[in-house]
C-alpha atoms as a PDB file:
ATOM      1  CA  UNK A   1      -0.611   4.444   8.814  1.00  0.00           C
ATOM      2  CA  UNK A   2      -1.373   1.501  11.082  1.00  0.00           C
ATOM      3  CA  UNK A   3      -0.039   2.159  14.606  1.00  0.00           C
ATOM      4  CA  UNK A   4       1.981  -1.087  14.590  1.00  0.00           C
ATOM      5  CA  UNK A   5       3.634  -0.161  11.300  1.00  0.00           C
ATOM      6  CA  UNK A   6       4.312   3.423  12.327  1.00  0.00           C
ATOM      7  CA  UNK A   7       5.876   2.384  15.630  1.00  0.00           C
ATOM      8  CA  UNK A   8       8.061  -0.311  14.061  1.00  0.00           C
ATOM      9  CA  UNK A   9       9.297   1.958  11.265  1.00  0.00           C
ATOM     10  CA  UNK A  10      10.037   4.764  13.698  1.00  0.00           C
ATOM     11  CA  UNK A  11      12.098   2.449  15.906  1.00  0.00           C
ATOM     12  CA  UNK A  12      13.848   0.925  12.902  1.00  0.00           C
ATOM     13  CA  UNK A  13      14.687   4.337  11.437  1.00  0.00           C
ATOM     14  CA  UNK A  14      16.083   5.656  14.705  1.00  0.00           C
ATOM     15  CA  UNK A  15      18.165   2.550  15.401  1.00  0.00           C
ATOM     16  CA  UNK A  16      19.535   2.623  11.849  1.00  0.00           C
ATOM     17  CA  UNK A  17      20.473   6.299  12.195  1.00  0.00           C
ATOM     18  CA  UNK A  18      22.261   5.582  15.477  1.00  0.00           C
ATOM     19  CA  UNK A  19      24.187   2.705  13.886  1.00  0.00           C
ATOM     20  CA  UNK A  20      25.310   4.971  11.029  1.00  0.00           C
ATOM     21  CA  UNK A  21      25.633   8.476  12.482  1.00  0.00           C
ATOM     22  CA  UNK A  22      26.047   7.611  16.148  1.00  0.00           C
ATOM     23  CA  UNK A  23      22.881   9.550  16.983  1.00  0.00           C
ATOM     24  CA  UNK A  24      19.245   9.987  16.021  1.00  0.00           C
ATOM     25  CA  UNK A  25      18.558  12.708  13.453  1.00  0.00           C
ATOM     26  CA  UNK A  26      14.790  13.145  13.787  1.00  0.00           C
ATOM     27  CA  UNK A  27      11.576  11.441  12.816  1.00  0.00           C
ATOM     28  CA  UNK A  28      11.207   9.352   9.668  1.00  0.00           C
ATOM     29  CA  UNK A  29       8.336  11.425   8.303  1.00  0.00           C
ATOM     30  CA  UNK A  30      10.505  14.553   8.363  1.00  0.00           C
ATOM     31  CA  UNK A  31      12.664  12.977   5.641  1.00  0.00           C
ATOM     32  CA  UNK A  32       9.842  11.733   3.408  1.00  0.00           C
ATOM     33  CA  UNK A  33      10.744  13.915   0.403  1.00  0.00           C
ATOM     34  CA  UNK A  34      14.466  13.204   0.679  1.00  0.00           C
ATOM     35  CA  UNK A  35      14.107   9.442   1.071  1.00  0.00           C
ATOM     36  CA  UNK A  36      11.291   9.286  -1.468  1.00  0.00           C
ATOM     37  CA  UNK A  37      13.708  10.229  -4.253  1.00  0.00           C
ATOM     38  CA  UNK A  38      14.717   6.539  -4.352  1.00  0.00           C
ATOM     39  CA  UNK A  39      11.240   5.227  -5.120  1.00  0.00           C
ATOM     40  CA  UNK A  40       9.885   4.469  -8.580  1.00  0.00           C
ATOM     41  CA  UNK A  41       6.102   4.505  -8.739  1.00  0.00           C
ATOM     42  CA  UNK A  42       3.170   6.834  -8.361  1.00  0.00           C
ATOM     43  CA  UNK A  43      -0.226   7.294  -6.811  1.00  0.00           C
ATOM     44  CA  UNK A  44      -3.307   6.328  -8.812  1.00  0.00           C
ATOM     45  CA  UNK A  45      -7.020   6.041  -8.059  1.00  0.00           C
ATOM     46  CA  UNK A  46      -9.149   2.922  -8.029  1.00  0.00           C
ATOM     47  CA  UNK A  47     -11.815   2.835 -10.721  1.00  0.00           C
ATOM     48  CA  UNK A  48     -14.070   1.060  -8.212  1.00  0.00           C
ATOM     49  CA  UNK A  49     -13.758   3.094  -5.045  1.00  0.00           C
ATOM     50  CA  UNK A  50     -11.731   6.180  -5.934  1.00  0.00           C
ATOM     51  CA  UNK A  51      -9.289   5.291  -3.154  1.00  0.00           C
ATOM     52  CA  UNK A  52      -5.615   6.074  -3.515  1.00  0.00           C
ATOM     53  CA  UNK A  53      -3.388   3.246  -4.768  1.00  0.00           C
ATOM     54  CA  UNK A  54       0.350   2.880  -5.156  1.00  0.00           C
ATOM     55  CA  UNK A  55       1.524   1.456  -8.491  1.00  0.00           C
ATOM     56  CA  UNK A  56       5.109   0.428  -9.243  1.00  0.00           C
ATOM     57  CA  UNK A  57       5.424   2.371 -12.506  1.00  0.00           C
ATOM     58  CA  UNK A  58       5.172   5.921 -13.798  1.00  0.00           C
ATOM     59  CA  UNK A  59       4.553   4.891 -17.387  1.00  0.00           C
ATOM     60  CA  UNK A  60       0.891   3.983 -17.659  1.00  0.00           C
ATOM     61  CA  UNK A  61      -0.941   5.589 -20.549  1.00  0.00           C
ATOM     62  CA  UNK A  62      -3.193   8.564 -19.994  1.00  0.00           C
ATOM     63  CA  UNK A  63      -6.640   7.450 -18.913  1.00  0.00           C
ATOM     64  CA  UNK A  64      -5.458   4.048 -17.635  1.00  0.00           C
ATOM     65  CA  UNK A  65      -7.763   2.382 -15.118  1.00  0.00           C
ATOM     66  CA  UNK A  66      -6.696   0.785 -11.846  1.00  0.00           C
ATOM     67  CA  UNK A  67      -7.970  -1.436  -9.065  1.00  0.00           C
ATOM     68  CA  UNK A  68      -6.750  -2.408  -5.606  1.00  0.00           C
ATOM     69  CA  UNK A  69      -5.298  -5.908  -5.977  1.00  0.00           C
ATOM     70  CA  UNK A  70      -5.542  -6.610  -2.261  1.00  0.00           C
ATOM     71  CA  UNK A  71      -9.124  -5.521  -1.700  1.00  0.00           C
ATOM     72  CA  UNK A  72     -10.891  -5.312  -5.076  1.00  0.00           C
ATOM     73  CA  UNK A  73      -9.785  -8.315  -7.159  1.00  0.00           C
ATOM     74  CA  UNK A  74     -13.192  -9.954  -6.789  1.00  0.00           C
ATOM     75  CA  UNK A  75     -14.848  -6.948  -8.422  1.00  0.00           C
ATOM     76  CA  UNK A  76     -12.581  -6.924 -11.475  1.00  0.00           C
ATOM     77  CA  UNK A  77     -15.017  -8.863 -13.661  1.00  0.00           C
ATOM     78  CA  UNK A  78     -17.575  -6.081 -13.249  1.00  0.00           C
ATOM     79  CA  UNK A  79     -15.212  -3.510 -14.680  1.00  0.00           C
ATOM     80  CA  UNK A  80     -13.528  -5.404 -17.504  1.00  0.00           C
ATOM     81  CA  UNK A  81     -15.326  -5.952 -20.734  1.00  0.00           C
ATOM     82  CA  UNK A  82     -14.503  -8.630 -23.256  1.00  0.00           C
ATOM     83  CA  UNK A  83     -12.659  -7.782 -26.420  1.00  0.00           C
ATOM     84  CA  UNK A  84     -15.002  -7.727 -29.445  1.00  0.00           C
ATOM     85  CA  UNK A  85     -13.111  -9.819 -31.972  1.00  0.00           C
ATOM     86  CA  UNK A  86     -15.272  -8.442 -34.796  1.00  0.00           C
ATOM     87  CA  UNK A  87     -13.707  -5.015 -34.267  1.00  0.00           C
ATOM     88  CA  UNK A  88     -10.181  -6.278 -34.872  1.00  0.00           C
ATOM     89  CA  UNK A  89      -9.179  -5.214 -38.378  1.00  0.00           C
ATOM     90  CA  UNK A  90      -5.510  -4.335 -37.875  1.00  0.00           C
ATOM     91  CA  UNK A  91      -2.915  -3.564 -35.205  1.00  0.00           C
ATOM     92  CA  UNK A  92      -4.372  -0.127 -34.489  1.00  0.00           C
ATOM     93  CA  UNK A  93      -7.873  -1.482 -33.853  1.00  0.00           C
ATOM     94  CA  UNK A  94      -6.449  -4.301 -31.720  1.00  0.00           C
ATOM     95  CA  UNK A  95      -4.535  -1.872 -29.523  1.00  0.00           C
ATOM     96  CA  UNK A  96      -7.556   0.393 -29.233  1.00  0.00           C
ATOM     97  CA  UNK A  97      -9.688  -2.553 -28.131  1.00  0.00           C
ATOM     98  CA  UNK A  98      -7.135  -3.576 -25.523  1.00  0.00           C
ATOM     99  CA  UNK A  99      -7.010  -0.047 -24.119  1.00  0.00           C
ATOM    100  CA  UNK A 100     -10.746  -0.258 -23.489  1.00  0.00           C
ATOM    101  CA  UNK A 101     -10.516  -3.522 -21.537  1.00  0.00           C
ATOM    102  CA  UNK A 102      -7.219  -3.354 -19.640  1.00  0.00           C
ATOM    103  CA  UNK A 103      -7.265  -2.554 -15.926  1.00  0.00           C
ATOM    104  CA  UNK A 104      -3.999  -2.241 -14.034  1.00  0.00           C
ATOM    105  CA  UNK A 105      -3.502  -3.405 -10.465  1.00  0.00           C
ATOM    106  CA  UNK A 106      -2.011  -1.447  -7.608  1.00  0.00           C
ATOM    107  CA  UNK A 107      -1.292  -2.241  -3.962  1.00  0.00           C
ATOM    108  CA  UNK A 108      -0.151  -5.764  -4.871  1.00  0.00           C
ATOM    109  CA  UNK A 109       0.835  -7.510  -1.634  1.00  0.00           C
ATOM    110  CA  UNK A 110       1.231 -11.298  -1.799  1.00  0.00           C
ATOM    111  CA  UNK A 111       2.758 -14.271  -0.033  1.00  0.00           C
ATOM    112  CA  UNK A 112       3.384 -14.161   3.684  1.00  0.00           C
ATOM    113  CA  UNK A 113       3.247 -10.382   4.017  1.00  0.00           C
ATOM    114  CA  UNK A 114       1.798  -8.178   6.737  1.00  0.00           C
ATOM    115  CA  UNK A 115       1.828  -4.567   7.854  1.00  0.00           C
ATOM    116  CA  UNK A 116       2.342  -3.239   4.332  1.00  0.00           C
ATOM    117  CA  UNK A 117       0.941   0.132   3.266  1.00  0.00           C
ATOM    118  CA  UNK A 118       1.112   2.402   0.227  1.00  0.00           C
ATOM    119  CA  UNK A 119       3.276  -0.140  -1.573  1.00  0.00           C
ATOM    120  CA  UNK A 120       3.095  -2.288  -4.708  1.00  0.00           C
ATOM    121  CA  UNK A 121       4.602  -5.620  -5.808  1.00  0.00           C
ATOM    122  CA  UNK A 122       5.513  -6.725  -2.300  1.00  0.00           C
ATOM    123  CA  UNK A 123       6.108 -10.436  -1.629  1.00  0.00           C
ATOM    124  CA  UNK A 124       6.799 -12.228   1.664  1.00  0.00           C
ATOM    125  CA  UNK A 125       7.641  -9.006   3.474  1.00  0.00           C
ATOM    126  CA  UNK A 126       6.603  -7.187   6.614  1.00  0.00           C
ATOM    127  CA  UNK A 127       6.625  -3.637   7.906  1.00  0.00           C
ATOM    128  CA  UNK A 128       6.866  -1.980   4.485  1.00  0.00           C
ATOM    129  CA  UNK A 129       5.778   1.567   3.609  1.00  0.00           C
ATOM    130  CA  UNK A 130       5.832   3.567   0.363  1.00  0.00           C
ATOM    131  CA  UNK A 131       7.912   1.002  -1.484  1.00  0.00           C
ATOM    132  CA  UNK A 132       7.801  -0.977  -4.730  1.00  0.00           C
ATOM    133  CA  UNK A 133       9.055  -4.410  -5.792  1.00  0.00           C
ATOM    134  CA  UNK A 134      10.155  -5.764  -2.428  1.00  0.00           C
ATOM    135  CA  UNK A 135      10.835  -9.467  -1.824  1.00  0.00           C
ATOM    136  CA  UNK A 136      11.590 -10.975   1.576  1.00  0.00           C
ATOM    137  CA  UNK A 137      12.012  -7.548   3.171  1.00  0.00           C
ATOM    138  CA  UNK A 138      11.548  -6.270   6.691  1.00  0.00           C
ATOM    139  CA  UNK A 139      11.192  -2.745   8.043  1.00  0.00           C
ATOM    140  CA  UNK A 140      11.590  -0.654   4.898  1.00  0.00           C
ATOM    141  CA  UNK A 141      10.328   2.751   3.836  1.00  0.00           C
ATOM    142  CA  UNK A 142      10.803   4.546   0.519  1.00  0.00           C
ATOM    143  CA  UNK A 143      12.608   1.667  -1.218  1.00  0.00           C
ATOM    144  CA  UNK A 144      12.569   0.200  -4.728  1.00  0.00           C
ATOM    145  CA  UNK A 145      13.666  -3.248  -5.972  1.00  0.00           C
ATOM    146  CA  UNK A 146      14.870  -4.689  -2.702  1.00  0.00           C
ATOM    147  CA  UNK A 147      15.461  -8.398  -2.077  1.00  0.00           C
ATOM    148  CA  UNK A 148      16.048  -9.773   1.400  1.00  0.00           C
ATOM    149  CA  UNK A 149      16.952  -6.434   2.934  1.00  0.00           C
ATOM    150  CA  UNK A 150      15.955  -5.119   6.327  1.00  0.00           C
ATOM    151  CA  UNK A 151      16.054  -1.720   7.967  1.00  0.00           C
ATOM    152  CA  UNK A 152      16.397  -0.017   4.606  1.00  0.00           C
ATOM    153  CA  UNK A 153      15.318   3.561   3.963  1.00  0.00           C
ATOM    154  CA  UNK A 154      15.393   5.599   0.759  1.00  0.00           C
ATOM    155  CA  UNK A 155      17.313   2.937  -1.133  1.00  0.00           C
ATOM    156  CA  UNK A 156      17.186   1.398  -4.606  1.00  0.00           C
ATOM    157  CA  UNK A 157      18.277  -2.097  -5.655  1.00  0.00           C
ATOM    158  CA  UNK A 158      20.428  -2.882  -2.628  1.00  0.00           C
ATOM    159  CA  UNK A 159      19.677  -6.495  -1.790  1.00  0.00           C
ATOM    160  CA  UNK A 160      20.718  -8.692   1.122  1.00  0.00           C
ATOM    161  CA  UNK A 161      21.560  -5.586   3.125  1.00  0.00           C
ATOM    162  CA  UNK A 162      20.733  -4.192   6.550  1.00  0.00           C
ATOM    163  CA  UNK A 163      20.785  -0.769   8.171  1.00  0.00           C
ATOM    164  CA  UNK A 164      21.147   1.299   5.016  1.00  0.00           C
ATOM    165  CA  UNK A 165      20.033   4.796   4.070  1.00  0.00           C
ATOM    166  CA  UNK A 166      20.072   6.162   0.515  1.00  0.00           C
ATOM    167  CA  UNK A 167      22.092   3.336  -1.004  1.00  0.00           C
ATOM    168  CA  UNK A 168      21.824   2.527  -4.707  1.00  0.00           C
ATOM    169  CA  UNK A 169      22.588  -0.607  -6.776  1.00  0.00           C
ATOM    170  CA  UNK A 170      24.460  -2.659  -4.215  1.00  0.00           C
ATOM    171  CA  UNK A 171      24.534  -6.065  -2.573  1.00  0.00           C
ATOM    172  CA  UNK A 172      25.442  -7.156   0.951  1.00  0.00           C
ATOM    173  CA  UNK A 173      25.799  -3.860   2.781  1.00  0.00           C
ATOM    174  CA  UNK A 174      25.570  -3.146   6.495  1.00  0.00           C
ATOM    175  CA  UNK A 175      25.438   0.230   8.224  1.00  0.00           C
ATOM    176  CA  UNK A 176      25.992   2.257   5.069  1.00  0.00           C
ATOM    177  CA  UNK A 177      24.848   5.697   3.915  1.00  0.00           C
ATOM    178  CA  UNK A 178      25.077   6.983   0.329  1.00  0.00           C
ATOM    179  CA  UNK A 179      26.897   3.975  -1.139  1.00  0.00           C
ATOM    180  CA  UNK A 180      26.532   2.981  -4.799  1.00  0.00           C
ATOM    181  CA  UNK A 181      27.559   0.089  -7.096  1.00  0.00           C
ATOM    182  CA  UNK A 182      29.155  -1.793  -4.223  1.00  0.00           C
ATOM    183  CA  UNK A 183      29.329  -5.393  -2.999  1.00  0.00           C
ATOM    184  CA  UNK A 184      30.118  -6.543   0.545  1.00  0.00           C
ATOM    185  CA  UNK A 185      30.749  -3.334   2.439  1.00  0.00           C
ATOM    186  CA  UNK A 186      30.105  -2.212   5.986  1.00  0.00           C
ATOM    187  CA  UNK A 187      30.308   1.060   7.901  1.00  0.00           C
ATOM    188  CA  UNK A 188      30.984   2.984   4.704  1.00  0.00           C
ATOM    189  CA  UNK A 189      29.604   6.291   3.446  1.00  0.00           C
ATOM    190  CA  UNK A 190      29.661   8.289   0.219  1.00  0.00           C
ATOM    191  CA  UNK A 191      31.564   5.575  -1.612  1.00  0.00           C
ATOM    192  CA  UNK A 192      31.254   4.133  -5.121  1.00  0.00           C
ATOM    193  CA  UNK A 193      32.283   0.760  -6.546  1.00  0.00           C
ATOM    194  CA  UNK A 194      34.029  -0.600  -3.469  1.00  0.00           C
ATOM    195  CA  UNK A 195      34.088  -4.368  -2.940  1.00  0.00           C
ATOM    196  CA  UNK A 196      34.794  -6.286   0.273  1.00  0.00           C
ATOM    197  CA  UNK A 197      35.608  -3.072   2.134  1.00  0.00           C
ATOM    198  CA  UNK A 198      34.799  -1.623   5.528  1.00  0.00           C
ATOM    199  CA  UNK A 199      35.144   1.799   7.110  1.00  0.00           C
ATOM    200  CA  UNK A 200      35.547   3.777   3.908  1.00  0.00           C
ATOM    201  CA  UNK A 201      34.342   7.329   3.253  1.00  0.00           C
ATOM    202  CA  UNK A 202      34.316   9.312   0.011  1.00  0.00           C
ATOM    203  CA  UNK A 203      36.240   6.486  -1.631  1.00  0.00           C
ATOM    204  CA  UNK A 204      36.026   4.969  -5.110  1.00  0.00           C
ATOM    205  CA  UNK A 205      36.972   1.764  -6.934  1.00  0.00           C
ATOM    206  CA  UNK A 206      38.580   0.028  -3.961  1.00  0.00           C
ATOM    207  CA  UNK A 207      38.974  -3.686  -3.293  1.00  0.00           C
ATOM    208  CA  UNK A 208      39.563  -5.321   0.103  1.00  0.00           C
ATOM    209  CA  UNK A 209      40.367  -2.053   1.867  1.00  0.00           C
ATOM    210  CA  UNK A 210      39.584  -0.570   5.248  1.00  0.00           C
ATOM    211  CA  UNK A 211      40.040   2.816   6.953  1.00  0.00           C
ATOM    212  CA  UNK A 212      40.129   4.881   3.766  1.00  0.00           C
ATOM    213  CA  UNK A 213      38.995   8.479   3.296  1.00  0.00           C
ATOM    214  CA  UNK A 214      39.166   9.831  -0.246  1.00  0.00           C
ATOM    215  CA  UNK A 215      41.147   6.698  -1.176  1.00  0.00           C
ATOM    216  CA  UNK A 216      43.832   7.548   1.369  1.00  0.00           C
ATOM    217  CA  UNK A 217      44.750   4.716   3.732  1.00  0.00           C
ATOM    218  CA  UNK A 218      44.736   5.893   7.345  1.00  0.00           C
ATOM    219  CA  UNK A 219      45.610   4.372  10.667  1.00  0.00           C
ATOM    220  CA  UNK A 220      42.655   3.148  12.686  1.00  0.00           C
ATOM    221  CA  UNK A 221      42.703   5.939  15.264  1.00  0.00           C
ATOM    222  CA  UNK A 222      43.252   8.686  12.699  1.00  0.00           C
ATOM    223  CA  UNK A 223      40.459   7.297  10.558  1.00  0.00           C
ATOM    224  CA  UNK A 224      37.939   7.149  13.372  1.00  0.00           C
ATOM    225  CA  UNK A 225      38.782  10.677  14.463  1.00  0.00           C
ATOM    226  CA  UNK A 226      38.104  12.061  10.985  1.00  0.00           C
ATOM    227  CA  UNK A 227      35.086   9.822  10.505  1.00  0.00           C
ATOM    228  CA  UNK A 228      33.441  11.122  13.666  1.00  0.00           C
ATOM    229  CA  UNK A 229      34.081  14.722  12.614  1.00  0.00           C
ATOM    230  CA  UNK A 230      32.685  14.218   9.094  1.00  0.00           C
ATOM    231  CA  UNK A 231      29.635  12.276  10.247  1.00  0.00           C
ATOM    232  CA  UNK A 232      28.881  14.923  12.874  1.00  0.00           C
ATOM    233  CA  UNK A 233      28.878  17.579  10.131  1.00  0.00           C
ATOM    234  CA  UNK A 234      26.637  15.434   7.926  1.00  0.00           C
ATOM    235  CA  UNK A 235      24.154  14.637  10.690  1.00  0.00           C
ATOM    236  CA  UNK A 236      23.954  18.273  11.763  1.00  0.00           C
ATOM    237  CA  UNK A 237      23.149  19.330   8.204  1.00  0.00           C
ATOM    238  CA  UNK A 238      20.546  16.595   7.931  1.00  0.00           C
ATOM    239  CA  UNK A 239      18.878  17.659  11.165  1.00  0.00           C
ATOM    240  CA  UNK A 240      18.837  21.277  10.018  1.00  0.00           C
ATOM    241  CA  UNK A 241      17.723  20.853   6.398  1.00  0.00           C
ATOM    242  CA  UNK A 242      16.161  17.341   6.381  1.00  0.00           C
ATOM    243  CA  UNK A 243      18.308  16.531   3.351  1.00  0.00           C
ATOM    244  CA  UNK A 244      21.746  16.979   1.877  1.00  0.00           C
ATOM    245  CA  UNK A 245      22.344  18.993  -1.273  1.00  0.00           C
ATOM    246  CA  UNK A 246      24.742  16.357  -2.637  1.00  0.00           C
ATOM    247  CA  UNK A 247      24.607  12.608  -3.175  1.00  0.00           C
ATOM    248  CA  UNK A 248      26.988   9.794  -4.048  1.00  0.00           C
ATOM    249  CA  UNK A 249      25.263   9.715  -7.429  1.00  0.00           C
ATOM    250  CA  UNK A 250      26.255  13.338  -8.061  1.00  0.00           C
ATOM    251  CA  UNK A 251      29.798  12.803  -6.814  1.00  0.00           C
ATOM    252  CA  UNK A 252      30.279   9.588  -8.776  1.00  0.00           C
ATOM    253  CA  UNK A 253      29.095  11.131 -12.012  1.00  0.00           C
ATOM    254  CA  UNK A 254      31.943  13.603 -11.740  1.00  0.00           C
ATOM    255  CA  UNK A 255      34.485  11.308 -10.133  1.00  0.00           C
ATOM    256  CA  UNK A 256      34.268   8.474 -12.624  1.00  0.00           C
ATOM    257  CA  UNK A 257      33.791  10.551 -15.777  1.00  0.00           C
END
C-alpha cells in the first residue's frame, strides 16, 4: 500500500473508532477479515501481466480474461480478437464467439480520483482501499456501493454518511456501528430501521427518537451510563477477538421475522 494511503487510512480508522467507541481498538489491518465481509468482489489476474486485479463482481464465467483498466487499456487491442461473423449460426455459436473475444476490466478508477488501491469502479474518490463501486468517497476501506461517504469501514450501501463501521443499506449516518436499513441517524449502534433518530442502541423500527436502548426510552444520564458500559464491553471483545460473533444483520433477521 502507498505510504500516503496507509497513513491516511490508519488515522481515519482510529479517529472513527474514537468517535464511536470512545477509544482506539487497534490497527485497521487487524480487522481486515471482519470488515471485508461487507465487500462484494474478488481478486483476478491480468491476462497481460499476471498482476493481481480487483473486480467488482464474483460472477464472471470460468476462464474469463481480465485487464487492468488503469494501466493496461492501451494494450487491450492486442488481446481482443474480432468476432468472425461467418461462425454465427445460432445463439449458441454467437455466445461461444463472444466468450472468445470478451475481456473484463478490473481496477477501474476514473474521474478526479487519487490514492486508490485494490479497488474497482471508483469515481471521483480519494484514499480508497479494497472497495468496489464508490462515488465521491473519501477515506474508505472494505466498502461496497458507497456514494458521498467518508471515513467508512466495512460498510455496504450507506451513502452520504461519515464515521461508520459495519453499516448496511442506510443513508445519512454519522458515528454509527452496526446499523441497517436506516435513514438520518447519529451515534447509534446495533439498530435496524430507525429514521431521524440519535443515541439509540439495540433498537428497531423507531421514528424521531433519542436515548433508546432495546426500544426503551431512557433519561439522558441513564442512557449514557448504560451506553458507556455496553460500548466498553463491545470494544473489549473487538480488541480481543478482532471481530464480534454477532451482527445487526443476524439480530434483525430474528427480530423482524
